[in-house]
């Protein structure tokens, strides 16, 4: 419950902080600074997301290669089991 109240307080403060100065109760008027941070942060965020996407893509390619190798090994093992059915009947 406390976290919910703190969350609401921070959201209300953020909204109050970016209100235009033309309103009589808006004292902080941080909108211009927020725009500067957003303008500088969006390219950094794009680079970060791009790097993560590249890493996920590389991992996906590695997983596909590994799955293909496993399928080939299973097919080879199945072919060997069919060629030598006596080895399987050890019971």
N, C-alpha and C. Protein backbone atom coordinates (compact mmCIF):
# COMPACT_ATOMS: atom_id res chain seq x y z
N UNK A 1 0.83 -1.20 0.00
CA UNK A 1 0.00 0.00 0.00
C UNK A 1 0.87 1.25 0.00
N UNK A 2 1.96 1.19 0.74
CA UNK A 2 2.86 2.34 0.80
C UNK A 2 3.48 2.64 -0.55
N UNK A 3 3.83 1.57 -1.27
CA UNK A 3 4.44 1.77 -2.59
C UNK A 3 3.45 2.42 -3.55
N UNK A 4 2.18 2.07 -3.42
CA UNK A 4 1.15 2.67 -4.27
C UNK A 4 1.03 4.17 -4.00
N UNK A 5 1.03 4.54 -2.75
CA UNK A 5 0.94 5.96 -2.38
C UNK A 5 2.17 6.72 -2.87
N UNK A 6 3.36 6.14 -2.66
CA UNK A 6 4.59 6.79 -3.12
C UNK A 6 4.56 6.94 -4.64
N UNK A 7 4.06 5.91 -5.34
CA UNK A 7 3.96 5.99 -6.79
C UNK A 7 3.07 7.13 -7.24
N UNK A 8 1.91 7.26 -6.61
CA UNK A 8 1.01 8.36 -6.95
C UNK A 8 1.64 9.72 -6.66
N UNK A 9 2.35 9.83 -5.56
CA UNK A 9 3.01 11.10 -5.20
C UNK A 9 4.04 11.46 -6.27
N UNK A 10 4.84 10.49 -6.70
CA UNK A 10 5.86 10.78 -7.71
C UNK A 10 5.23 11.15 -9.06
N UNK A 11 4.17 10.46 -9.45
CA UNK A 11 3.51 10.79 -10.72
C UNK A 11 2.92 12.20 -10.64
N UNK A 12 2.27 12.53 -9.55
CA UNK A 12 1.70 13.88 -9.40
C UNK A 12 2.80 14.94 -9.41
N UNK A 13 3.92 14.66 -8.74
CA UNK A 13 5.02 15.61 -8.75
C UNK A 13 5.56 15.80 -10.17
N UNK A 14 5.70 14.71 -10.92
CA UNK A 14 6.22 14.82 -12.28
C UNK A 14 5.30 15.66 -13.16
N UNK A 15 4.00 15.45 -13.02
CA UNK A 15 3.04 16.25 -13.80
C UNK A 15 3.12 17.71 -13.38
N UNK A 16 3.20 17.97 -12.09
CA UNK A 16 3.29 19.35 -11.59
C UNK A 16 4.58 20.01 -12.08
N UNK A 17 5.68 19.25 -12.12
CA UNK A 17 6.98 19.83 -12.47
C UNK A 17 7.04 20.29 -13.91
N UNK A 18 6.26 19.70 -14.80
CA UNK A 18 6.33 20.07 -16.21
C UNK A 18 5.20 20.99 -16.64
N UNK A 19 4.40 21.45 -15.71
CA UNK A 19 3.33 22.39 -16.07
C UNK A 19 3.92 23.68 -16.60
N UNK A 20 3.28 24.29 -17.58
CA UNK A 20 3.81 25.56 -18.11
C UNK A 20 3.75 26.67 -17.06
N UNK A 21 4.67 27.61 -17.15
CA UNK A 21 4.77 28.68 -16.17
C UNK A 21 3.61 29.65 -16.26
N UNK A 22 2.82 29.59 -17.30
CA UNK A 22 1.70 30.52 -17.43
C UNK A 22 0.61 30.24 -16.41
N UNK A 23 0.58 29.04 -15.87
CA UNK A 23 -0.39 28.73 -14.81
C UNK A 23 0.07 29.35 -13.50
N UNK A 24 -0.86 29.88 -12.72
CA UNK A 24 -0.44 30.61 -11.51
C UNK A 24 0.20 29.71 -10.44
N UNK A 25 -0.12 28.44 -10.40
CA UNK A 25 0.42 27.58 -9.35
C UNK A 25 1.61 26.73 -9.82
N UNK A 26 2.05 26.93 -11.06
CA UNK A 26 3.19 26.18 -11.59
C UNK A 26 4.47 26.95 -11.31
N UNK A 27 5.27 26.46 -10.39
CA UNK A 27 6.48 27.17 -9.99
C UNK A 27 7.75 26.59 -10.61
N UNK A 28 7.78 25.32 -10.89
CA UNK A 28 9.01 24.69 -11.34
C UNK A 28 9.27 24.87 -12.83
N UNK A 29 8.26 24.63 -13.67
CA UNK A 29 8.37 24.80 -15.12
C UNK A 29 9.62 24.11 -15.68
N UNK A 30 9.71 22.82 -15.50
CA UNK A 30 10.85 22.05 -15.95
C UNK A 30 10.65 21.47 -17.34
N UNK A 31 9.63 21.86 -18.06
CA UNK A 31 9.33 21.25 -19.34
C UNK A 31 10.50 21.37 -20.33
N UNK A 32 11.14 22.51 -20.37
CA UNK A 32 12.26 22.70 -21.30
C UNK A 32 13.40 21.73 -20.98
N UNK A 33 13.70 21.56 -19.70
CA UNK A 33 14.75 20.62 -19.31
C UNK A 33 14.35 19.17 -19.63
N UNK A 34 13.07 18.86 -19.47
CA UNK A 34 12.58 17.52 -19.80
C UNK A 34 12.74 17.27 -21.30
N UNK A 35 12.44 18.26 -22.12
CA UNK A 35 12.61 18.11 -23.57
C UNK A 35 14.07 17.87 -23.94
N UNK A 36 14.99 18.55 -23.26
CA UNK A 36 16.42 18.35 -23.54
C UNK A 36 16.84 16.93 -23.17
N UNK A 37 16.38 16.44 -22.02
CA UNK A 37 16.72 15.08 -21.60
C UNK A 37 16.14 14.07 -22.58
N UNK A 38 14.90 14.27 -23.00
CA UNK A 38 14.28 13.36 -23.96
C UNK A 38 15.02 13.39 -25.30
N UNK A 39 15.40 14.58 -25.74
CA UNK A 39 16.10 14.71 -27.01
C UNK A 39 17.45 14.00 -26.96
N UNK A 40 18.12 14.04 -25.83
CA UNK A 40 19.40 13.34 -25.70
C UNK A 40 19.25 11.88 -25.37
N UNK A 41 18.16 11.52 -24.71
CA UNK A 41 17.99 10.15 -24.26
C UNK A 41 17.42 9.21 -25.30
N UNK A 42 16.63 9.72 -26.22
CA UNK A 42 16.01 8.86 -27.22
C UNK A 42 17.05 8.19 -28.13
N UNK A 43 18.07 8.90 -28.63
CA UNK A 43 19.09 8.19 -29.42
C UNK A 43 19.84 7.14 -28.60
N UNK A 44 20.13 7.43 -27.35
CA UNK A 44 20.80 6.44 -26.51
C UNK A 44 19.91 5.22 -26.29
N UNK A 45 18.64 5.44 -26.10
CA UNK A 45 17.70 4.35 -25.94
C UNK A 45 17.62 3.52 -27.22
N UNK A 46 17.65 4.19 -28.36
CA UNK A 46 17.60 3.48 -29.65
C UNK A 46 18.84 2.60 -29.83
N UNK A 47 20.01 3.10 -29.44
CA UNK A 47 21.24 2.31 -29.52
C UNK A 47 21.14 1.10 -28.60
N UNK A 48 20.67 1.31 -27.39
CA UNK A 48 20.54 0.24 -26.41
C UNK A 48 19.59 -0.85 -26.91
N UNK A 49 18.45 -0.45 -27.43
CA UNK A 49 17.48 -1.42 -27.95
C UNK A 49 18.06 -2.13 -29.16
N UNK A 50 18.77 -1.42 -30.02
CA UNK A 50 19.40 -2.03 -31.19
C UNK A 50 20.43 -3.08 -30.78
N UNK A 51 21.27 -2.78 -29.79
CA UNK A 51 22.26 -3.74 -29.32
C UNK A 51 21.59 -4.98 -28.73
N UNK A 52 20.54 -4.79 -27.98
CA UNK A 52 19.81 -5.92 -27.42
C UNK A 52 19.22 -6.77 -28.54
N UNK A 53 18.65 -6.14 -29.56
CA UNK A 53 18.08 -6.88 -30.69
C UNK A 53 19.15 -7.67 -31.43
N UNK A 54 20.33 -7.10 -31.59
CA UNK A 54 21.43 -7.81 -32.24
C UNK A 54 21.83 -9.03 -31.42
N UNK A 55 21.96 -8.86 -30.10
CA UNK A 55 22.33 -9.99 -29.25
C UNK A 55 21.26 -11.09 -29.28
N UNK A 56 20.00 -10.71 -29.30
CA UNK A 56 18.93 -11.70 -29.38
C UNK A 56 18.98 -12.42 -30.72
N UNK A 57 19.24 -11.68 -31.79
CA UNK A 57 19.34 -12.30 -33.11
C UNK A 57 20.48 -13.29 -33.20
N UNK A 58 21.64 -12.94 -32.64
CA UNK A 58 22.79 -13.86 -32.64
C UNK A 58 22.47 -15.11 -31.84
N UNK A 59 21.85 -14.93 -30.67
CA UNK A 59 21.48 -16.08 -29.84
C UNK A 59 20.47 -16.97 -30.56
N UNK A 60 19.55 -16.37 -31.30
CA UNK A 60 18.56 -17.14 -32.05
C UNK A 60 19.23 -17.96 -33.14
N UNK A 61 20.18 -17.37 -33.84
CA UNK A 61 20.90 -18.09 -34.89
C UNK A 61 21.67 -19.26 -34.28
N UNK A 62 22.34 -19.03 -33.15
CA UNK A 62 23.07 -20.11 -32.49
C UNK A 62 22.13 -21.22 -32.06
N UNK A 63 20.96 -20.86 -31.53
CA UNK A 63 19.98 -21.88 -31.11
C UNK A 63 19.50 -22.71 -32.30
N UNK A 64 19.27 -22.06 -33.45
CA UNK A 64 18.83 -22.80 -34.64
C UNK A 64 19.91 -23.76 -35.12
N UNK A 65 21.16 -23.32 -35.09
CA UNK A 65 22.26 -24.18 -35.50
C UNK A 65 22.37 -25.38 -34.55
N UNK A 66 22.26 -25.13 -33.27
CA UNK A 66 22.32 -26.21 -32.27
C UNK A 66 21.16 -27.18 -32.44
N UNK A 67 19.96 -26.66 -32.69
CA UNK A 67 18.79 -27.53 -32.90
C UNK A 67 18.98 -28.39 -34.15
N UNK A 68 19.54 -27.82 -35.20
CA UNK A 68 19.78 -28.58 -36.42
C UNK A 68 20.79 -29.69 -36.17
N UNK A 69 21.85 -29.40 -35.40
CA UNK A 69 22.83 -30.43 -35.07
C UNK A 69 22.20 -31.55 -34.26
N UNK A 70 21.36 -31.20 -33.31
CA UNK A 70 20.68 -32.21 -32.49
C UNK A 70 19.76 -33.09 -33.35
N UNK A 71 19.04 -32.47 -34.28
CA UNK A 71 18.17 -33.24 -35.16
C UNK A 71 18.98 -34.21 -36.02
N UNK A 72 20.13 -33.75 -36.52
CA UNK A 72 20.99 -34.61 -37.32
C UNK A 72 21.52 -35.78 -36.49
N UNK A 73 21.91 -35.52 -35.24
CA UNK A 73 22.40 -36.58 -34.36
C UNK A 73 21.30 -37.58 -34.05
N UNK A 74 20.08 -37.09 -33.83
CA UNK A 74 18.96 -37.99 -33.57
C UNK A 74 18.65 -38.84 -34.80
N UNK A 75 18.69 -38.24 -35.98
CA UNK A 75 18.45 -38.98 -37.21
C UNK A 75 19.54 -40.03 -37.41
N UNK A 76 20.79 -39.68 -37.13
CA UNK A 76 21.90 -40.61 -37.27
C UNK A 76 21.75 -41.76 -36.27
N UNK A 77 21.36 -41.45 -35.04
CA UNK A 77 21.17 -42.48 -34.02
C UNK A 77 20.01 -43.41 -34.41
N UNK A 78 18.95 -42.84 -34.96
CA UNK A 78 17.81 -43.65 -35.38
C UNK A 78 18.20 -44.56 -36.55
N UNK A 79 19.01 -44.05 -37.46
CA UNK A 79 19.46 -44.86 -38.59
C UNK A 79 20.37 -45.99 -38.11
N UNK A 80 21.22 -45.71 -37.14
CA UNK A 80 22.10 -46.75 -36.59
C UNK A 80 21.27 -47.80 -35.84
N UNK A 81 20.23 -47.37 -35.14
CA UNK A 81 19.38 -48.31 -34.41
C UNK A 81 18.63 -49.21 -35.38
N UNK A 82 18.22 -48.70 -36.52
CA UNK A 82 17.54 -49.52 -37.53
C UNK A 82 18.51 -50.48 -38.19
N UNK A 83 19.75 -50.04 -38.38
CA UNK A 83 20.75 -50.90 -39.02
C UNK A 83 21.20 -52.02 -38.09
N UNK A 84 21.21 -51.76 -36.80
CA UNK A 84 21.65 -52.76 -35.82
C UNK A 84 20.55 -52.99 -34.78
N UNK A 85 19.48 -53.68 -35.13
CA UNK A 85 18.38 -53.87 -34.17
C UNK A 85 18.75 -54.80 -33.02
N UNK A 86 19.78 -55.61 -33.16
CA UNK A 86 20.17 -56.53 -32.11
C UNK A 86 20.76 -55.83 -30.90
N UNK A 87 21.42 -54.72 -31.11
CA UNK A 87 22.02 -53.97 -30.00
C UNK A 87 20.95 -53.43 -29.05
N UNK A 88 19.77 -53.17 -29.59
CA UNK A 88 18.70 -52.62 -28.78
C UNK A 88 18.05 -53.68 -27.91
N UNK A 89 18.14 -54.97 -28.31
CA UNK A 89 17.49 -56.06 -27.59
C UNK A 89 18.43 -56.67 -26.55
N UNK A 90 18.99 -55.91 -25.69
CA UNK A 90 19.90 -56.41 -24.68
C UNK A 90 19.17 -56.90 -23.43
N UNK A 91 17.88 -56.73 -23.33
CA UNK A 91 17.11 -57.11 -22.13
C UNK A 91 17.12 -58.58 -21.91
